[in-house]
């Protein structure tokens, strides 16, 4: 797993490449805790290069979503590949998260 954090406008973006599972999630969790703890945080997780997510990864993303909501921020996902999207659909988490097709669409909304 590889993490690529960056900031575009007022949105903190984290691109995750490879498998996001119990073994690889700790650095992602640490980054998300910092990014979502800021009042009014706008955080985007780009999963376009993510090949797999497990229950630990899902729990980490849900925690980040809740933390972001508590500080009146916005948290979104983008670029979900079909296998990853299917996991979100099976767990009905596709209803909980704001999911964009790609980074450009997400930024158009989050930076507005």
PDB file of N, CA and C in Angstrom:
ATOM      1  N   UNK A   1       0.851  -1.181   0.000  1.00  0.00           N
ATOM      2  CA  UNK A   1       0.000   0.000   0.000  1.00  0.00           C
ATOM      3  C   UNK A   1       0.893   1.239   0.000  1.00  0.00           C
ATOM      4  N   UNK A   2       0.472   2.213  -0.777  1.00  0.00           N
ATOM      5  CA  UNK A   2       1.202   3.472  -0.863  1.00  0.00           C
ATOM      6  C   UNK A   2       0.231   4.625  -0.657  1.00  0.00           C
ATOM      7  N   UNK A   3       0.652   5.610   0.141  1.00  0.00           N
ATOM      8  CA  UNK A   3      -0.161   6.804   0.413  1.00  0.00           C
ATOM      9  C   UNK A   3       0.447   7.997  -0.304  1.00  0.00           C
ATOM     10  N   UNK A   4      -0.428   8.813  -0.923  1.00  0.00           N
ATOM     11  CA  UNK A   4       0.040  10.039  -1.564  1.00  0.00           C
ATOM     12  C   UNK A   4      -0.849  11.192  -1.096  1.00  0.00           C
ATOM     13  N   UNK A   5      -0.452  11.874  -0.008  1.00  0.00           N
ATOM     14  CA  UNK A   5      -1.247  13.007   0.458  1.00  0.00           C
ATOM     15  C   UNK A   5      -0.895  14.293  -0.297  1.00  0.00           C
ATOM     16  N   UNK A   6      -1.897  15.152  -0.482  1.00  0.00           N
ATOM     17  CA  UNK A   6      -1.669  16.475  -1.077  1.00  0.00           C
ATOM     18  C   UNK A   6      -2.838  17.379  -0.718  1.00  0.00           C
ATOM     19  N   UNK A   7      -2.648  18.662  -0.948  1.00  0.00           N
ATOM     20  CA  UNK A   7      -3.722  19.626  -0.690  1.00  0.00           C
ATOM     21  C   UNK A   7      -3.987  20.395  -1.975  1.00  0.00           C
ATOM     22  N   UNK A   8      -5.263  20.477  -2.353  1.00  0.00           N
ATOM     23  CA  UNK A   8      -5.671  21.246  -3.521  1.00  0.00           C
ATOM     24  C   UNK A   8      -6.734  22.223  -3.044  1.00  0.00           C
ATOM     25  N   UNK A   9      -6.432  23.515  -3.133  1.00  0.00           N
ATOM     26  CA  UNK A   9      -7.362  24.517  -2.604  1.00  0.00           C
ATOM     27  C   UNK A   9      -7.477  24.333  -1.102  1.00  0.00           C
ATOM     28  N   UNK A  10      -8.693  24.103  -0.633  1.00  0.00           N
ATOM     29  CA  UNK A  10      -8.888  23.885   0.804  1.00  0.00           C
ATOM     30  C   UNK A  10      -9.272  22.428   1.102  1.00  0.00           C
ATOM     31  N   UNK A  11      -8.914  21.520   0.189  1.00  0.00           N
ATOM     32  CA  UNK A  11      -9.249  20.109   0.352  1.00  0.00           C
ATOM     33  C   UNK A  11      -7.974  19.288   0.545  1.00  0.00           C
ATOM     34  N   UNK A  12      -7.954  18.514   1.636  1.00  0.00           N
ATOM     35  CA  UNK A  12      -6.856  17.575   1.873  1.00  0.00           C
ATOM     36  C   UNK A  12      -7.212  16.276   1.156  1.00  0.00           C
ATOM     37  N   UNK A  13      -6.326  15.838   0.266  1.00  0.00           N
ATOM     38  CA  UNK A  13      -6.586  14.638  -0.540  1.00  0.00           C
ATOM     39  C   UNK A  13      -5.572  13.562  -0.179  1.00  0.00           C
ATOM     40  N   UNK A  14      -6.084  12.345   0.000  1.00  0.00           N
ATOM     41  CA  UNK A  14      -5.210  11.205   0.232  1.00  0.00           C
ATOM     42  C   UNK A  14      -5.509  10.154  -0.833  1.00  0.00           C
ATOM     43  N   UNK A  15      -4.518   9.887  -1.680  1.00  0.00           N
ATOM     44  CA  UNK A  15      -4.645   8.822  -2.675  1.00  0.00           C
ATOM     45  C   UNK A  15      -4.005   7.575  -2.084  1.00  0.00           C
ATOM     46  N   UNK A  16      -4.743   6.470  -2.155  1.00  0.00           N
ATOM     47  CA  UNK A  16      -4.261   5.210  -1.607  1.00  0.00           C
ATOM     48  C   UNK A  16      -4.124   4.215  -2.752  1.00  0.00           C
ATOM     49  N   UNK A  17      -2.918   3.660  -2.900  1.00  0.00           N
ATOM     50  CA  UNK A  17      -2.660   2.678  -3.955  1.00  0.00           C
ATOM     51  C   UNK A  17      -2.404   1.310  -3.325  1.00  0.00           C
ATOM     52  N   UNK A  18      -2.990   0.284  -3.945  1.00  0.00           N
ATOM     53  CA  UNK A  18      -2.784  -1.079  -3.455  1.00  0.00           C
ATOM     54  C   UNK A  18      -3.892  -1.537  -2.531  1.00  0.00           C
ATOM     55  N   UNK A  19      -3.560  -2.482  -1.656  1.00  0.00           N
ATOM     56  CA  UNK A  19      -4.531  -3.053  -0.718  1.00  0.00           C
ATOM     57  C   UNK A  19      -4.631  -2.196   0.539  1.00  0.00           C
ATOM     58  N   UNK A  20      -5.848  -1.929   0.961  1.00  0.00           N
ATOM     59  CA  UNK A  20      -6.083  -1.220   2.218  1.00  0.00           C
ATOM     60  C   UNK A  20      -6.752  -2.219   3.157  1.00  0.00           C
ATOM     61  N   UNK A  21      -5.944  -2.779   4.063  1.00  0.00           N
ATOM     62  CA  UNK A  21      -6.463  -3.805   4.958  1.00  0.00           C
ATOM     63  C   UNK A  21      -5.863  -3.642   6.350  1.00  0.00           C
ATOM     64  N   UNK A  22      -6.140  -4.589   7.228  1.00  0.00           N
ATOM     65  CA  UNK A  22      -5.696  -4.498   8.618  1.00  0.00           C
ATOM     66  C   UNK A  22      -4.182  -4.299   8.743  1.00  0.00           C
ATOM     67  N   UNK A  23      -3.424  -4.849   7.814  1.00  0.00           N
ATOM     68  CA  UNK A  23      -1.964  -4.733   7.873  1.00  0.00           C
ATOM     69  C   UNK A  23      -1.453  -3.375   7.398  1.00  0.00           C
ATOM     70  N   UNK A  24      -2.183  -2.725   6.516  1.00  0.00           N
ATOM     71  CA  UNK A  24      -1.687  -1.485   5.907  1.00  0.00           C
ATOM     72  C   UNK A  24      -2.412  -0.224   6.391  1.00  0.00           C
ATOM     73  N   UNK A  25      -3.467  -0.379   7.178  1.00  0.00           N
ATOM     74  CA  UNK A  25      -4.312   0.762   7.515  1.00  0.00           C
ATOM     75  C   UNK A  25      -3.729   1.727   8.565  1.00  0.00           C
ATOM     76  N   UNK A  26      -2.808   1.344   9.471  1.00  0.00           N
ATOM     77  CA  UNK A  26      -2.366   2.289  10.509  1.00  0.00           C
ATOM     78  C   UNK A  26      -1.885   3.651  10.027  1.00  0.00           C
ATOM     79  N   UNK A  27      -1.009   3.756   8.993  1.00  0.00           N
ATOM     80  CA  UNK A  27      -0.612   5.110   8.565  1.00  0.00           C
ATOM     81  C   UNK A  27      -1.777   5.912   7.958  1.00  0.00           C
ATOM     82  N   UNK A  28      -2.687   5.224   7.302  1.00  0.00           N
ATOM     83  CA  UNK A  28      -3.865   5.890   6.741  1.00  0.00           C
ATOM     84  C   UNK A  28      -4.726   6.424   7.881  1.00  0.00           C
ATOM     85  N   UNK A  29      -4.923   5.610   8.898  1.00  0.00           N
ATOM     86  CA  UNK A  29      -5.718   6.011  10.055  1.00  0.00           C
ATOM     87  C   UNK A  29      -5.105   7.234  10.741  1.00  0.00           C
ATOM     88  N   UNK A  30      -3.789   7.226  10.887  1.00  0.00           N
ATOM     89  CA  UNK A  30      -3.097   8.351  11.521  1.00  0.00           C
ATOM     90  C   UNK A  30      -3.289   9.636  10.702  1.00  0.00           C
ATOM     91  N   UNK A  31      -3.133   9.546   9.381  1.00  0.00           N
ATOM     92  CA  UNK A  31      -3.303  10.716   8.518  1.00  0.00           C
ATOM     93  C   UNK A  31      -4.739  11.232   8.601  1.00  0.00           C
ATOM     94  N   UNK A  32      -5.707  10.313   8.556  1.00  0.00           N
ATOM     95  CA  UNK A  32      -7.119  10.705   8.602  1.00  0.00           C
ATOM     96  C   UNK A  32      -7.475  11.355   9.935  1.00  0.00           C
ATOM     97  N   UNK A  33      -6.918  10.859  11.038  1.00  0.00           N
ATOM     98  CA  UNK A  33      -7.193  11.458  12.346  1.00  0.00           C
ATOM     99  C   UNK A  33      -6.744  12.910  12.377  1.00  0.00           C
ATOM    100  N   UNK A  34      -5.572  13.191  11.812  1.00  0.00           N
ATOM    101  CA  UNK A  34      -5.077  14.570  11.778  1.00  0.00           C
ATOM    102  C   UNK A  34      -5.921  15.428  10.839  1.00  0.00           C
ATOM    103  N   UNK A  35      -6.201  14.912   9.656  1.00  0.00           N
ATOM    104  CA  UNK A  35      -6.909  15.691   8.628  1.00  0.00           C
ATOM    105  C   UNK A  35      -8.355  15.986   9.010  1.00  0.00           C
ATOM    106  N   UNK A  36      -9.012  15.050   9.702  1.00  0.00           N
ATOM    107  CA  UNK A  36     -10.433  15.229  10.012  1.00  0.00           C
ATOM    108  C   UNK A  36     -10.667  15.884  11.365  1.00  0.00           C
ATOM    109  N   UNK A  37      -9.614  16.169  12.103  1.00  0.00           N
ATOM    110  CA  UNK A  37      -9.778  16.784  13.415  1.00  0.00           C
ATOM    111  C   UNK A  37      -9.857  18.300  13.379  1.00  0.00           C
ATOM    112  N   UNK A  38      -9.604  18.874  12.227  1.00  0.00           N
ATOM    113  CA  UNK A  38      -9.596  20.329  12.075  1.00  0.00           C
ATOM    114  C   UNK A  38     -11.024  20.829  11.837  1.00  0.00           C
ATOM    115  N   UNK A  39     -11.484  21.848  12.589  1.00  0.00           N
ATOM    116  CA  UNK A  39     -12.839  22.370  12.348  1.00  0.00           C
ATOM    117  C   UNK A  39     -13.042  22.779  10.886  1.00  0.00           C
ATOM    118  N   UNK A  40     -14.155  22.309  10.312  1.00  0.00           N
ATOM    119  CA  UNK A  40     -14.469  22.624   8.925  1.00  0.00           C
ATOM    120  C   UNK A  40     -13.622  21.881   7.910  1.00  0.00           C
ATOM    121  N   UNK A  41     -12.997  20.796   8.323  1.00  0.00           N
ATOM    122  CA  UNK A  41     -12.105  20.040   7.436  1.00  0.00           C
ATOM    123  C   UNK A  41     -12.827  19.569   6.180  1.00  0.00           C
ATOM    124  N   UNK A  42     -12.131  19.610   5.080  1.00  0.00           N
ATOM    125  CA  UNK A  42     -12.631  19.061   3.812  1.00  0.00           C
ATOM    126  C   UNK A  42     -11.614  18.004   3.393  1.00  0.00           C
ATOM    127  N   UNK A  43     -12.055  16.746   3.432  1.00  0.00           N
ATOM    128  CA  UNK A  43     -11.141  15.631   3.198  1.00  0.00           C
ATOM    129  C   UNK A  43     -11.691  14.746   2.081  1.00  0.00           C
ATOM    130  N   UNK A  44     -10.803  14.387   1.159  1.00  0.00           N
ATOM    131  CA  UNK A  44     -11.158  13.515   0.042  1.00  0.00           C
ATOM    132  C   UNK A  44     -10.192  12.341   0.017  1.00  0.00           C
ATOM    133  N   UNK A  45     -10.739  11.137   0.010  1.00  0.00           N
ATOM    134  CA  UNK A  45      -9.912   9.937  -0.111  1.00  0.00           C
ATOM    135  C   UNK A  45     -10.105   9.382  -1.521  1.00  0.00           C
ATOM    136  N   UNK A  46      -9.013   9.385  -2.273  1.00  0.00           N
ATOM    137  CA  UNK A  46      -9.028   8.908  -3.660  1.00  0.00           C
ATOM    138  C   UNK A  46      -8.673   7.421  -3.667  1.00  0.00           C
ATOM    139  N   UNK A  47      -9.651   6.596  -4.004  1.00  0.00           N
ATOM    140  CA  UNK A  47      -9.456   5.149  -4.016  1.00  0.00           C
ATOM    141  C   UNK A  47      -9.298   4.597  -5.437  1.00  0.00           C
ATOM    142  N   UNK A  48      -8.958   5.454  -6.390  1.00  0.00           N
ATOM    143  CA  UNK A  48      -8.854   5.022  -7.787  1.00  0.00           C
ATOM    144  C   UNK A  48      -7.730   4.011  -8.006  1.00  0.00           C
ATOM    145  N   UNK A  49      -6.740   4.000  -7.118  1.00  0.00           N
ATOM    146  CA  UNK A  49      -5.630   3.056  -7.249  1.00  0.00           C
ATOM    147  C   UNK A  49      -5.698   1.959  -6.190  1.00  0.00           C
ATOM    148  N   UNK A  50      -6.815   1.909  -5.449  1.00  0.00           N
ATOM    149  CA  UNK A  50      -6.990   0.918  -4.391  1.00  0.00           C
ATOM    150  C   UNK A  50      -7.617  -0.336  -4.981  1.00  0.00           C
ATOM    151  N   UNK A  51      -6.997  -1.476  -4.715  1.00  0.00           N
ATOM    152  CA  UNK A  51      -7.448  -2.735  -5.311  1.00  0.00           C
ATOM    153  C   UNK A  51      -8.323  -3.556  -4.377  1.00  0.00           C
ATOM    154  N   UNK A  52      -8.246  -3.293  -3.057  1.00  0.00           N
ATOM    155  CA  UNK A  52      -8.984  -4.107  -2.090  1.00  0.00           C
ATOM    156  C   UNK A  52      -9.148  -3.334  -0.797  1.00  0.00           C
ATOM    157  N   UNK A  53     -10.306  -3.474  -0.153  1.00  0.00           N
ATOM    158  CA  UNK A  53     -10.520  -2.941   1.196  1.00  0.00           C
ATOM    159  C   UNK A  53     -11.140  -4.048   2.046  1.00  0.00           C
ATOM    160  N   UNK A  54     -10.736  -4.112   3.319  1.00  0.00           N
ATOM    161  CA  UNK A  54     -11.343  -5.089   4.218  1.00  0.00           C
ATOM    162  C   UNK A  54     -12.152  -4.350   5.288  1.00  0.00           C
ATOM    163  N   UNK A  55     -12.670  -5.094   6.241  1.00  0.00           N
ATOM    164  CA  UNK A  55     -13.543  -4.503   7.264  1.00  0.00           C
ATOM    165  C   UNK A  55     -12.808  -3.481   8.122  1.00  0.00           C
ATOM    166  N   UNK A  56     -11.516  -3.688   8.364  1.00  0.00           N
ATOM    167  CA  UNK A  56     -10.729  -2.726   9.145  1.00  0.00           C
ATOM    168  C   UNK A  56     -10.621  -1.406   8.389  1.00  0.00           C
ATOM    169  N   UNK A  57     -10.406  -1.494   7.087  1.00  0.00           N
ATOM    170  CA  UNK A  57     -10.327  -0.289   6.259  1.00  0.00           C
ATOM    171  C   UNK A  57     -11.663   0.444   6.251  1.00  0.00           C
ATOM    172  N   UNK A  58     -12.748  -0.296   6.123  1.00  0.00           N
ATOM    173  CA  UNK A  58     -14.078   0.314   6.135  1.00  0.00           C
ATOM    174  C   UNK A  58     -14.335   1.012   7.463  1.00  0.00           C
ATOM    175  N   UNK A  59     -13.979   0.357   8.561  1.00  0.00           N
ATOM    176  CA  UNK A  59     -14.172   0.947   9.892  1.00  0.00           C
ATOM    177  C   UNK A  59     -13.354   2.228  10.040  1.00  0.00           C
ATOM    178  N   UNK A  60     -12.154   2.233   9.500  1.00  0.00           N
ATOM    179  CA  UNK A  60     -11.299   3.423   9.553  1.00  0.00           C
ATOM    180  C   UNK A  60     -11.931   4.577   8.787  1.00  0.00           C
ATOM    181  N   UNK A  61     -12.469   4.295   7.619  1.00  0.00           N
ATOM    182  CA  UNK A  61     -13.115   5.335   6.813  1.00  0.00           C
ATOM    183  C   UNK A  61     -14.393   5.847   7.477  1.00  0.00           C
ATOM    184  N   UNK A  62     -15.165   4.949   8.089  1.00  0.00           N
ATOM    185  CA  UNK A  62     -16.384   5.362   8.797  1.00  0.00           C
ATOM    186  C   UNK A  62     -16.025   6.259   9.983  1.00  0.00           C
ATOM    187  N   UNK A  63     -14.985   5.895  10.726  1.00  0.00           N
ATOM    188  CA  UNK A  63     -14.548   6.727  11.860  1.00  0.00           C
ATOM    189  C   UNK A  63     -14.132   8.119  11.393  1.00  0.00           C
ATOM    190  N   UNK A  64     -13.421   8.173  10.266  1.00  0.00           N
ATOM    191  CA  UNK A  64     -12.994   9.466   9.723  1.00  0.00           C
ATOM    192  C   UNK A  64     -14.204  10.293   9.293  1.00  0.00           C
ATOM    193  N   UNK A  65     -15.185   9.648   8.687  1.00  0.00           N
ATOM    194  CA  UNK A  65     -16.417  10.334   8.286  1.00  0.00           C
ATOM    195  C   UNK A  65     -17.110  10.939   9.505  1.00  0.00           C
ATOM    196  N   UNK A  66     -17.259  10.151  10.551  1.00  0.00           N
ATOM    197  CA  UNK A  66     -17.923  10.639  11.771  1.00  0.00           C
ATOM    198  C   UNK A  66     -17.155  11.789  12.403  1.00  0.00           C
ATOM    199  N   UNK A  67     -15.821  11.652  12.476  1.00  0.00           N
ATOM    200  CA  UNK A  67     -14.993  12.697  13.069  1.00  0.00           C
ATOM    201  C   UNK A  67     -15.136  13.987  12.265  1.00  0.00           C
ATOM    202  N   UNK A  68     -15.162  13.867  10.952  1.00  0.00           N
ATOM    203  CA  UNK A  68     -15.288  15.034  10.082  1.00  0.00           C
ATOM    204  C   UNK A  68     -16.647  15.706  10.272  1.00  0.00           C
ATOM    205  N   UNK A  69     -17.687  14.911  10.414  1.00  0.00           N
ATOM    206  CA  UNK A  69     -19.028  15.452  10.646  1.00  0.00           C
ATOM    207  C   UNK A  69     -19.106  16.183  11.987  1.00  0.00           C
ATOM    208  N   UNK A  70     -18.384  15.691  12.984  1.00  0.00           N
ATOM    209  CA  UNK A  70     -18.404  16.321  14.308  1.00  0.00           C
ATOM    210  C   UNK A  70     -17.779  17.713  14.301  1.00  0.00           C
ATOM    211  N   UNK A  71     -16.884  17.975  13.356  1.00  0.00           N
ATOM    212  CA  UNK A  71     -16.259  19.300  13.269  1.00  0.00           C
ATOM    213  C   UNK A  71     -16.855  20.109  12.109  1.00  0.00           C
ATOM    214  N   UNK A  72     -18.078  19.734  11.707  1.00  0.00           N
ATOM    215  CA  UNK A  72     -18.795  20.395  10.617  1.00  0.00           C
ATOM    216  C   UNK A  72     -17.971  20.443   9.343  1.00  0.00           C
ATOM    217  N   UNK A  73     -17.269  19.354   9.071  1.00  0.00           N
ATOM    218  CA  UNK A  73     -16.466  19.264   7.856  1.00  0.00           C
ATOM    219  C   UNK A  73     -17.165  18.437   6.794  1.00  0.00           C
ATOM    220  N   UNK A  74     -16.441  18.203   5.710  1.00  0.00           N
ATOM    221  CA  UNK A  74     -16.959  17.374   4.620  1.00  0.00           C
ATOM    222  C   UNK A  74     -15.952  16.277   4.343  1.00  0.00           C
ATOM    223  N   UNK A  75     -16.458  15.064   4.161  1.00  0.00           N
ATOM    224  CA  UNK A  75     -15.610  13.902   3.908  1.00  0.00           C
ATOM    225  C   UNK A  75     -16.188  13.159   2.716  1.00  0.00           C
ATOM    226  N   UNK A  76     -15.349  12.866   1.741  1.00  0.00           N
ATOM    227  CA  UNK A  76     -15.842  12.195   0.537  1.00  0.00           C
ATOM    228  C   UNK A  76     -14.822  11.188   0.028  1.00  0.00           C
ATOM    229  N   UNK A  77     -15.318  10.282  -0.786  1.00  0.00           N
ATOM    230  CA  UNK A  77     -14.486   9.286  -1.454  1.00  0.00           C
ATOM    231  C   UNK A  77     -14.620   9.496  -2.957  1.00  0.00           C
ATOM    232  N   UNK A  78     -13.626   9.042  -3.709  1.00  0.00           N
ATOM    233  CA  UNK A  78     -13.750   9.111  -5.156  1.00  0.00           C
ATOM    234  C   UNK A  78     -12.964   7.990  -5.818  1.00  0.00           C
ATOM    235  N   UNK A  79     -13.320   7.738  -7.073  1.00  0.00           N
ATOM    236  CA  UNK A  79     -12.576   6.822  -7.911  1.00  0.00           C
ATOM    237  C   UNK A  79     -12.656   5.357  -7.541  1.00  0.00           C
ATOM    238  N   UNK A  80     -13.735   4.925  -6.928  1.00  0.00           N
ATOM    239  CA  UNK A  80     -13.827   3.527  -6.507  1.00  0.00           C
ATOM    240  C   UNK A  80     -13.896   2.591  -7.715  1.00  0.00           C
ATOM    241  N   UNK A  81     -12.964   1.649  -7.760  1.00  0.00           N
ATOM    242  CA  UNK A  81     -12.988   0.623  -8.803  1.00  0.00           C
ATOM    243  C   UNK A  81     -14.143  -0.325  -8.512  1.00  0.00           C
ATOM    244  N   UNK A  82     -14.557  -1.041  -9.514  1.00  0.00           N
ATOM    245  CA  UNK A  82     -15.720  -1.926  -9.369  1.00  0.00           C
ATOM    246  C   UNK A  82     -15.617  -2.893  -8.176  1.00  0.00           C
ATOM    247  N   UNK A  83     -14.513  -3.622  -7.971  1.00  0.00           N
ATOM    248  CA  UNK A  83     -14.455  -4.547  -6.827  1.00  0.00           C
ATOM    249  C   UNK A  83     -14.586  -3.835  -5.480  1.00  0.00           C
ATOM    250  N   UNK A  84     -13.985  -2.650  -5.381  1.00  0.00           N
ATOM    251  CA  UNK A  84     -14.061  -1.883  -4.129  1.00  0.00           C
ATOM    252  C   UNK A  84     -15.465  -1.319  -3.963  1.00  0.00           C
ATOM    253  N   UNK A  85     -16.033  -0.781  -5.027  1.00  0.00           N
ATOM    254  CA  UNK A  85     -17.399  -0.255  -4.974  1.00  0.00           C
ATOM    255  C   UNK A  85     -18.393  -1.344  -4.557  1.00  0.00           C
ATOM    256  N   UNK A  86     -18.170  -2.558  -5.041  1.00  0.00           N
ATOM    257  CA  UNK A  86     -19.072  -3.667  -4.677  1.00  0.00           C
ATOM    258  C   UNK A  86     -19.059  -3.925  -3.174  1.00  0.00           C
ATOM    259  N   UNK A  87     -17.894  -3.791  -2.539  1.00  0.00           N
ATOM    260  CA  UNK A  87     -17.812  -3.974  -1.086  1.00  0.00           C
ATOM    261  C   UNK A  87     -18.614  -2.885  -0.372  1.00  0.00           C
ATOM    262  N   UNK A  88     -18.508  -1.655  -0.871  1.00  0.00           N
ATOM    263  CA  UNK A  88     -19.289  -0.557  -0.285  1.00  0.00           C
ATOM    264  C   UNK A  88     -20.790  -0.792  -0.484  1.00  0.00           C
ATOM    265  N   UNK A  89     -21.163  -1.297  -1.651  1.00  0.00           N
ATOM    266  CA  UNK A  89     -22.576  -1.561  -1.925  1.00  0.00           C
ATOM    267  C   UNK A  89     -23.100  -2.711  -1.062  1.00  0.00           C
ATOM    268  N   UNK A  90     -22.332  -3.778  -0.923  1.00  0.00           N
ATOM    269  CA  UNK A  90     -22.758  -4.921  -0.116  1.00  0.00           C
ATOM    270  C   UNK A  90     -22.961  -4.547   1.353  1.00  0.00           C
ATOM    271  N   UNK A  91     -22.122  -3.630   1.851  1.00  0.00           N
ATOM    272  CA  UNK A  91     -22.223  -3.197   3.249  1.00  0.00           C
ATOM    273  C   UNK A  91     -23.140  -1.975   3.405  1.00  0.00           C
ATOM    274  N   UNK A  92     -23.694  -1.528   2.285  1.00  0.00           N
ATOM    275  CA  UNK A  92     -24.552  -0.346   2.219  1.00  0.00           C
ATOM    276  C   UNK A  92     -23.835   0.953   2.633  1.00  0.00           C
ATOM    277  N   UNK A  93     -22.531   0.917   2.663  1.00  0.00           N
ATOM    278  CA  UNK A  93     -21.775   2.122   2.999  1.00  0.00           C
ATOM    279  C   UNK A  93     -21.763   3.119   1.844  1.00  0.00           C
ATOM    280  N   UNK A  94     -22.171   2.670   0.656  1.00  0.00           N
ATOM    281  CA  UNK A  94     -22.277   3.602  -0.464  1.00  0.00           C
ATOM    282  C   UNK A  94     -23.357   4.645  -0.178  1.00  0.00           C
ATOM    283  N   UNK A  95     -24.278   4.335   0.744  1.00  0.00           N
ATOM    284  CA  UNK A  95     -25.325   5.287   1.142  1.00  0.00           C
ATOM    285  C   UNK A  95     -24.822   6.269   2.203  1.00  0.00           C
ATOM    286  N   UNK A  96     -23.806   5.867   2.972  1.00  0.00           N
ATOM    287  CA  UNK A  96     -23.296   6.698   4.062  1.00  0.00           C
ATOM    288  C   UNK A  96     -22.290   7.746   3.572  1.00  0.00           C
ATOM    289  N   UNK A  97     -21.520   7.377   2.562  1.00  0.00           N
ATOM    290  CA  UNK A  97     -20.469   8.259   2.067  1.00  0.00           C
ATOM    291  C   UNK A  97     -20.917   9.034   0.842  1.00  0.00           C
ATOM    292  N   UNK A  98     -20.354  10.220   0.679  1.00  0.00           N
ATOM    293  CA  UNK A  98     -20.476  10.953  -0.571  1.00  0.00           C
ATOM    294  C   UNK A  98     -19.383  10.388  -1.464  1.00  0.00           C
ATOM    295  N   UNK A  99     -19.781   9.842  -2.620  1.00  0.00           N
ATOM    296  CA  UNK A  99     -18.819   9.201  -3.513  1.00  0.00           C
ATOM    297  C   UNK A  99     -18.861   9.891  -4.877  1.00  0.00           C
ATOM    298  N   UNK A 100     -17.688  10.341  -5.311  1.00  0.00           N
ATOM    299  CA  UNK A 100     -17.559  11.001  -6.608  1.00  0.00           C
ATOM    300  C   UNK A 100     -16.859  10.076  -7.598  1.00  0.00           C
ATOM    301  N   UNK A 101     -17.066  10.338  -8.886  1.00  0.00           N
ATOM    302  CA  UNK A 101     -16.464   9.529  -9.943  1.00  0.00           C
ATOM    303  C   UNK A 101     -14.941   9.670  -9.913  1.00  0.00           C
ATOM    304  N   UNK A 102     -14.461  10.910  -9.792  1.00  0.00           N
ATOM    305  CA  UNK A 102     -13.015  11.132  -9.773  1.00  0.00           C
ATOM    306  C   UNK A 102     -12.675  12.393  -8.982  1.00  0.00           C
ATOM    307  N   UNK A 103     -11.399  12.671  -8.874  1.00  0.00           N
ATOM    308  CA  UNK A 103     -10.918  13.810  -8.084  1.00  0.00           C
ATOM    309  C   UNK A 103     -11.465  15.131  -8.623  1.00  0.00           C
ATOM    310  N   UNK A 104     -11.480  15.292  -9.947  1.00  0.00           N
ATOM    311  CA  UNK A 104     -11.942  16.546 -10.539  1.00  0.00           C
ATOM    312  C   UNK A 104     -13.389  16.869 -10.154  1.00  0.00           C
ATOM    313  N   UNK A 105     -14.264  15.856 -10.227  1.00  0.00           N
ATOM    314  CA  UNK A 105     -15.668  16.076  -9.844  1.00  0.00           C
ATOM    315  C   UNK A 105     -15.775  16.413  -8.358  1.00  0.00           C
ATOM    316  N   UNK A 106     -15.006  15.714  -7.538  1.00  0.00           N
ATOM    317  CA  UNK A 106     -15.046  15.959  -6.092  1.00  0.00           C
ATOM    318  C   UNK A 106     -14.581  17.374  -5.769  1.00  0.00           C
ATOM    319  N   UNK A 107     -13.485  17.791  -6.386  1.00  0.00           N
ATOM    320  CA  UNK A 107     -12.950  19.127  -6.117  1.00  0.00           C
ATOM    321  C   UNK A 107     -13.911  20.217  -6.572  1.00  0.00           C
ATOM    322  N   UNK A 108     -14.610  19.989  -7.659  1.00  0.00           N
ATOM    323  CA  UNK A 108     -15.570  20.975  -8.158  1.00  0.00           C
ATOM    324  C   UNK A 108     -16.640  21.237  -7.108  1.00  0.00           C
ATOM    325  N   UNK A 109     -17.013  20.209  -6.355  1.00  0.00           N
ATOM    326  CA  UNK A 109     -18.045  20.362  -5.316  1.00  0.00           C
ATOM    327  C   UNK A 109     -17.423  20.823  -3.996  1.00  0.00           C
ATOM    328  N   UNK A 110     -16.346  20.187  -3.560  1.00  0.00           N
ATOM    329  CA  UNK A 110     -15.755  20.484  -2.255  1.00  0.00           C
ATOM    330  C   UNK A 110     -15.087  21.854  -2.193  1.00  0.00           C
ATOM    331  N   UNK A 111     -14.553  22.338  -3.303  1.00  0.00           N
ATOM    332  CA  UNK A 111     -13.907  23.654  -3.314  1.00  0.00           C
ATOM    333  C   UNK A 111     -14.894  24.778  -3.637  1.00  0.00           C
ATOM    334  N   UNK A 112     -16.153  24.426  -3.887  1.00  0.00           N
ATOM    335  CA  UNK A 112     -17.148  25.446  -4.262  1.00  0.00           C
ATOM    336  C   UNK A 112     -17.493  26.341  -3.090  1.00  0.00           C
TER     337      UNK A 112
END
